[in-house]
Amino acid sequence: MDKIRREESRYVDLPKIYAFKSQRDKEIMLNRNFTRINNEIDSMIQMLLVGSGKQQ
């Protein structure tokens, strides 16, 4: 039982599953996520450029 508890403690929660009311709602959510991810990537790139001394 202890071995099972240790294994279960390493489990990762499953991602949230969305149920969209319409295709439009789905597209809106996907677009928001796409925009947010792109902004986060741009921010990380800027942080790396500042850290290396190569600002744009």
PDB file of N, CA and C in Angstrom:
ATOM      1  N   MET A   1       0.815  -1.202   0.000  1.00  0.00           N
ATOM      2  CA  MET A   1       0.000   0.000   0.000  1.00  0.00           C
ATOM      3  C   MET A   1       0.859   1.267   0.000  1.00  0.00           C
ATOM      4  N   ASP A   2       1.966   1.227   0.689  1.00  0.00           N
ATOM      5  CA  ASP A   2       2.835   2.401   0.738  1.00  0.00           C
ATOM      6  C   ASP A   2       3.385   2.729  -0.649  1.00  0.00           C
ATOM      7  N   LYS A   3       3.716   1.699  -1.389  1.00  0.00           N
ATOM      8  CA  LYS A   3       4.234   1.909  -2.746  1.00  0.00           C
ATOM      9  C   LYS A   3       3.172   2.567  -3.630  1.00  0.00           C
ATOM     10  N   ILE A   4       1.938   2.149  -3.467  1.00  0.00           N
ATOM     11  CA  ILE A   4       0.841   2.726  -4.251  1.00  0.00           C
ATOM     12  C   ILE A   4       0.636   4.190  -3.874  1.00  0.00           C
ATOM     13  N   ARG A   5       0.674   4.498  -2.577  1.00  0.00           N
ATOM     14  CA  ARG A   5       0.513   5.893  -2.134  1.00  0.00           C
ATOM     15  C   ARG A   5       1.621   6.784  -2.695  1.00  0.00           C
ATOM     16  N   ARG A   6       2.855   6.291  -2.718  1.00  0.00           N
ATOM     17  CA  ARG A   6       3.961   7.080  -3.272  1.00  0.00           C
ATOM     18  C   ARG A   6       3.735   7.332  -4.755  1.00  0.00           C
ATOM     19  N   GLU A   7       3.298   6.302  -5.452  1.00  0.00           N
ATOM     20  CA  GLU A   7       3.047   6.468  -6.884  1.00  0.00           C
ATOM     21  C   GLU A   7       1.906   7.464  -7.110  1.00  0.00           C
ATOM     22  N   GLU A   8       0.829   7.340  -6.364  1.00  0.00           N
ATOM     23  CA  GLU A   8      -0.307   8.243  -6.526  1.00  0.00           C
ATOM     24  C   GLU A   8       0.050   9.680  -6.180  1.00  0.00           C
ATOM     25  N   SER A   9       0.990   9.879  -5.270  1.00  0.00           N
ATOM     26  CA  SER A   9       1.383  11.240  -4.900  1.00  0.00           C
ATOM     27  C   SER A   9       2.089  11.948  -6.053  1.00  0.00           C
ATOM     28  N   ARG A  10       2.580  11.198  -7.018  1.00  0.00           N
ATOM     29  CA  ARG A  10       3.271  11.803  -8.170  1.00  0.00           C
ATOM     30  C   ARG A  10       2.330  12.061  -9.347  1.00  0.00           C
ATOM     31  N   TYR A  11       1.065  11.694  -9.196  1.00  0.00           N
ATOM     32  CA  TYR A  11       0.097  11.923 -10.270  1.00  0.00           C
ATOM     33  C   TYR A  11      -0.075  13.416 -10.518  1.00  0.00           C
ATOM     34  N   VAL A  12      -0.288  13.759 -11.775  1.00  0.00           N
ATOM     35  CA  VAL A  12      -0.537  15.138 -12.183  1.00  0.00           C
ATOM     36  C   VAL A  12      -2.032  15.268 -12.450  1.00  0.00           C
ATOM     37  N   ASP A  13      -2.613  16.399 -12.011  1.00  0.00           N
ATOM     38  CA  ASP A  13      -4.035  16.624 -12.262  1.00  0.00           C
ATOM     39  C   ASP A  13      -4.310  16.676 -13.760  1.00  0.00           C
ATOM     40  N   LEU A  14      -5.459  16.149 -14.148  1.00  0.00           N
ATOM     41  CA  LEU A  14      -5.854  16.181 -15.550  1.00  0.00           C
ATOM     42  C   LEU A  14      -6.242  17.604 -15.943  1.00  0.00           C
ATOM     43  N   PRO A  15      -5.996  17.980 -17.196  1.00  0.00           N
ATOM     44  CA  PRO A  15      -6.390  19.329 -17.631  1.00  0.00           C
ATOM     45  C   PRO A  15      -7.906  19.473 -17.637  1.00  0.00           C
ATOM     46  N   LYS A  16      -8.355  20.708 -17.482  1.00  0.00           N
ATOM     47  CA  LYS A  16      -9.782  20.981 -17.498  1.00  0.00           C
ATOM     48  C   LYS A  16     -10.323  20.732 -18.904  1.00  0.00           C
ATOM     49  N   ILE A  17     -11.459  20.065 -18.979  1.00  0.00           N
ATOM     50  CA  ILE A  17     -12.101  19.804 -20.265  1.00  0.00           C
ATOM     51  C   ILE A  17     -13.227  20.820 -20.439  1.00  0.00           C
ATOM     52  N   TYR A  18     -13.180  21.522 -21.535  1.00  0.00           N
ATOM     53  CA  TYR A  18     -14.164  22.563 -21.795  1.00  0.00           C
ATOM     54  C   TYR A  18     -15.306  22.014 -22.645  1.00  0.00           C
ATOM     55  N   ALA A  19     -16.513  22.457 -22.334  1.00  0.00           N
ATOM     56  CA  ALA A  19     -17.687  22.160 -23.150  1.00  0.00           C
ATOM     57  C   ALA A  19     -18.204  23.503 -23.659  1.00  0.00           C
ATOM     58  N   PHE A  20     -18.031  23.760 -24.927  1.00  0.00           N
ATOM     59  CA  PHE A  20     -18.402  25.048 -25.498  1.00  0.00           C
ATOM     60  C   PHE A  20     -19.847  25.021 -25.973  1.00  0.00           C
ATOM     61  N   LYS A  21     -20.518  26.154 -25.804  1.00  0.00           N
ATOM     62  CA  LYS A  21     -21.913  26.254 -26.234  1.00  0.00           C
ATOM     63  C   LYS A  21     -22.029  26.329 -27.747  1.00  0.00           C
ATOM     64  N   SER A  22     -20.994  26.916 -28.365  1.00  0.00           N
ATOM     65  CA  SER A  22     -21.035  27.058 -29.819  1.00  0.00           C
ATOM     66  C   SER A  22     -19.616  27.056 -30.370  1.00  0.00           C
ATOM     67  N   GLN A  23     -19.516  26.921 -31.663  1.00  0.00           N
ATOM     68  CA  GLN A  23     -18.217  26.968 -32.329  1.00  0.00           C
ATOM     69  C   GLN A  23     -17.577  28.349 -32.146  1.00  0.00           C
ATOM     70  N   ARG A  24     -18.393  29.375 -32.127  1.00  0.00           N
ATOM     71  CA  ARG A  24     -17.883  30.740 -31.934  1.00  0.00           C
ATOM     72  C   ARG A  24     -17.232  30.884 -30.561  1.00  0.00           C
ATOM     73  N   ASP A  25     -17.865  30.353 -29.515  1.00  0.00           N
ATOM     74  CA  ASP A  25     -17.286  30.401 -28.167  1.00  0.00           C
ATOM     75  C   ASP A  25     -15.945  29.679 -28.128  1.00  0.00           C
ATOM     76  N   LYS A  26     -15.879  28.566 -28.834  1.00  0.00           N
ATOM     77  CA  LYS A  26     -14.628  27.808 -28.895  1.00  0.00           C
ATOM     78  C   LYS A  26     -13.535  28.624 -29.581  1.00  0.00           C
ATOM     79  N   GLU A  27     -13.872  29.261 -30.689  1.00  0.00           N
ATOM     80  CA  GLU A  27     -12.901  30.079 -31.415  1.00  0.00           C
ATOM     81  C   GLU A  27     -12.427  31.263 -30.579  1.00  0.00           C
ATOM     82  N   ILE A  28     -13.333  31.859 -29.811  1.00  0.00           N
ATOM     83  CA  ILE A  28     -12.957  32.979 -28.950  1.00  0.00           C
ATOM     84  C   ILE A  28     -11.950  32.513 -27.904  1.00  0.00           C
ATOM     85  N   MET A  29     -12.214  31.379 -27.262  1.00  0.00           N
ATOM     86  CA  MET A  29     -11.307  30.853 -26.238  1.00  0.00           C
ATOM     87  C   MET A  29      -9.951  30.498 -26.849  1.00  0.00           C
ATOM     88  N   LEU A  30      -9.954  29.860 -28.004  1.00  0.00           N
ATOM     89  CA  LEU A  30      -8.700  29.505 -28.664  1.00  0.00           C
ATOM     90  C   LEU A  30      -7.903  30.751 -29.036  1.00  0.00           C
ATOM     91  N   ASN A  31      -8.587  31.770 -29.523  1.00  0.00           N
ATOM     92  CA  ASN A  31      -7.909  33.007 -29.896  1.00  0.00           C
ATOM     93  C   ASN A  31      -7.308  33.692 -28.672  1.00  0.00           C
ATOM     94  N   ARG A  32      -8.039  33.716 -27.561  1.00  0.00           N
ATOM     95  CA  ARG A  32      -7.506  34.308 -26.321  1.00  0.00           C
ATOM     96  C   ARG A  32      -6.260  33.569 -25.869  1.00  0.00           C
ATOM     97  N   ASN A  33      -6.322  32.234 -25.900  1.00  0.00           N
ATOM     98  CA  ASN A  33      -5.164  31.437 -25.494  1.00  0.00           C
ATOM     99  C   ASN A  33      -3.977  31.679 -26.422  1.00  0.00           C
ATOM    100  N   PHE A  34      -4.239  31.732 -27.714  1.00  0.00           N
ATOM    101  CA  PHE A  34      -3.188  31.965 -28.700  1.00  0.00           C
ATOM    102  C   PHE A  34      -2.515  33.308 -28.447  1.00  0.00           C
ATOM    103  N   THR A  35      -3.324  34.339 -28.227  1.00  0.00           N
ATOM    104  CA  THR A  35      -2.796  35.679 -27.970  1.00  0.00           C
ATOM    105  C   THR A  35      -1.992  35.707 -26.673  1.00  0.00           C
ATOM    106  N   ARG A  36      -2.517  35.088 -25.615  1.00  0.00           N
ATOM    107  CA  ARG A  36      -1.822  35.067 -24.328  1.00  0.00           C
ATOM    108  C   ARG A  36      -0.485  34.354 -24.433  1.00  0.00           C
ATOM    109  N   ILE A  37      -0.473  33.223 -25.111  1.00  0.00           N
ATOM    110  CA  ILE A  37       0.771  32.460 -25.268  1.00  0.00           C
ATOM    111  C   ILE A  37       1.790  33.255 -26.073  1.00  0.00           C
ATOM    112  N   ASN A  38       1.359  33.886 -27.151  1.00  0.00           N
ATOM    113  CA  ASN A  38       2.278  34.704 -27.954  1.00  0.00           C
ATOM    114  C   ASN A  38       2.846  35.855 -27.135  1.00  0.00           C
ATOM    115  N   ASN A  39       2.016  36.496 -26.317  1.00  0.00           N
ATOM    116  CA  ASN A  39       2.501  37.581 -25.464  1.00  0.00           C
ATOM    117  C   ASN A  39       3.517  37.069 -24.446  1.00  0.00           C
ATOM    118  N   GLU A  40       3.260  35.896 -23.869  1.00  0.00           N
ATOM    119  CA  GLU A  40       4.204  35.318 -22.909  1.00  0.00           C
ATOM    120  C   GLU A  40       5.537  34.997 -23.579  1.00  0.00           C
ATOM    121  N   ILE A  41       5.491  34.481 -24.796  1.00  0.00           N
ATOM    122  CA  ILE A  41       6.714  34.164 -25.530  1.00  0.00           C
ATOM    123  C   ILE A  41       7.486  35.437 -25.849  1.00  0.00           C
ATOM    124  N   ASP A  42       6.772  36.475 -26.315  1.00  0.00           N
ATOM    125  CA  ASP A  42       7.431  37.755 -26.583  1.00  0.00           C
ATOM    126  C   ASP A  42       8.107  38.299 -25.332  1.00  0.00           C
ATOM    127  N   SER A  43       7.417  38.184 -24.199  1.00  0.00           N
ATOM    128  CA  SER A  43       7.972  38.664 -22.933  1.00  0.00           C
ATOM    129  C   SER A  43       9.233  37.882 -22.552  1.00  0.00           C
ATOM    130  N   MET A  44       9.195  36.561 -22.717  1.00  0.00           N
ATOM    131  CA  MET A  44      10.365  35.743 -22.396  1.00  0.00           C
ATOM    132  C   MET A  44      11.545  36.086 -23.305  1.00  0.00           C
ATOM    133  N   ILE A  45      11.259  36.309 -24.579  1.00  0.00           N
ATOM    134  CA  ILE A  45      12.328  36.669 -25.526  1.00  0.00           C
ATOM    135  C   ILE A  45      12.945  37.995 -25.116  1.00  0.00           C
ATOM    136  N   GLN A  46      12.111  38.968 -24.750  1.00  0.00           N
ATOM    137  CA  GLN A  46      12.627  40.273 -24.323  1.00  0.00           C
ATOM    138  C   GLN A  46      13.482  40.141 -23.066  1.00  0.00           C
ATOM    139  N   MET A  47      13.046  39.306 -22.124  1.00  0.00           N
ATOM    140  CA  MET A  47      13.835  39.091 -20.903  1.00  0.00           C
ATOM    141  C   MET A  47      15.188  38.472 -21.242  1.00  0.00           C
ATOM    142  N   LEU A  48      15.206  37.535 -22.179  1.00  0.00           N
ATOM    143  CA  LEU A  48      16.464  36.908 -22.578  1.00  0.00           C
ATOM    144  C   LEU A  48      17.377  37.905 -23.290  1.00  0.00           C
ATOM    145  N   LEU A  49      16.781  38.752 -24.134  1.00  0.00           N
ATOM    146  CA  LEU A  49      17.574  39.747 -24.846  1.00  0.00           C
ATOM    147  C   LEU A  49      18.150  40.776 -23.890  1.00  0.00           C
ATOM    148  N   VAL A  50      17.381  41.199 -22.906  1.00  0.00           N
ATOM    149  CA  VAL A  50      17.870  42.164 -21.912  1.00  0.00           C
ATOM    150  C   VAL A  50      18.992  41.520 -21.101  1.00  0.00           C
ATOM    151  N   GLY A  51      18.828  40.268 -20.742  1.00  0.00           N
ATOM    152  CA  GLY A  51      19.852  39.558 -19.975  1.00  0.00           C
ATOM    153  C   GLY A  51      21.136  39.371 -20.740  1.00  0.00           C
ATOM    154  N   SER A  52      21.049  39.273 -22.066  1.00  0.00           N
ATOM    155  CA  SER A  52      22.250  39.088 -22.868  1.00  0.00           C
ATOM    156  C   SER A  52      22.812  40.413 -23.362  1.00  0.00           C
ATOM    157  N   GLY A  53      22.088  41.517 -23.088  1.00  0.00           N
ATOM    158  CA  GLY A  53      22.560  42.829 -23.496  1.00  0.00           C
ATOM    159  C   GLY A  53      22.199  43.196 -24.921  1.00  0.00           C
ATOM    160  N   LYS A  54      21.305  42.434 -25.554  1.00  0.00           N
ATOM    161  CA  LYS A  54      20.906  42.686 -26.945  1.00  0.00           C
ATOM    162  C   LYS A  54      19.444  43.107 -26.997  1.00  0.00           C
ATOM    163  N   GLN A  55      19.161  44.337 -26.683  1.00  0.00           N
ATOM    164  CA  GLN A  55      17.790  44.817 -26.732  1.00  0.00           C
ATOM    165  C   GLN A  55      17.416  45.199 -28.159  1.00  0.00           C
ATOM    166  N   GLN A  56      16.139  45.029 -28.478  1.00  0.00           N
ATOM    167  CA  GLN A  56      15.619  45.460 -29.783  1.00  0.00           C
ATOM    168  C   GLN A  56      14.699  46.620 -29.599  1.00  0.00           C
TER     169      GLN A  56
END
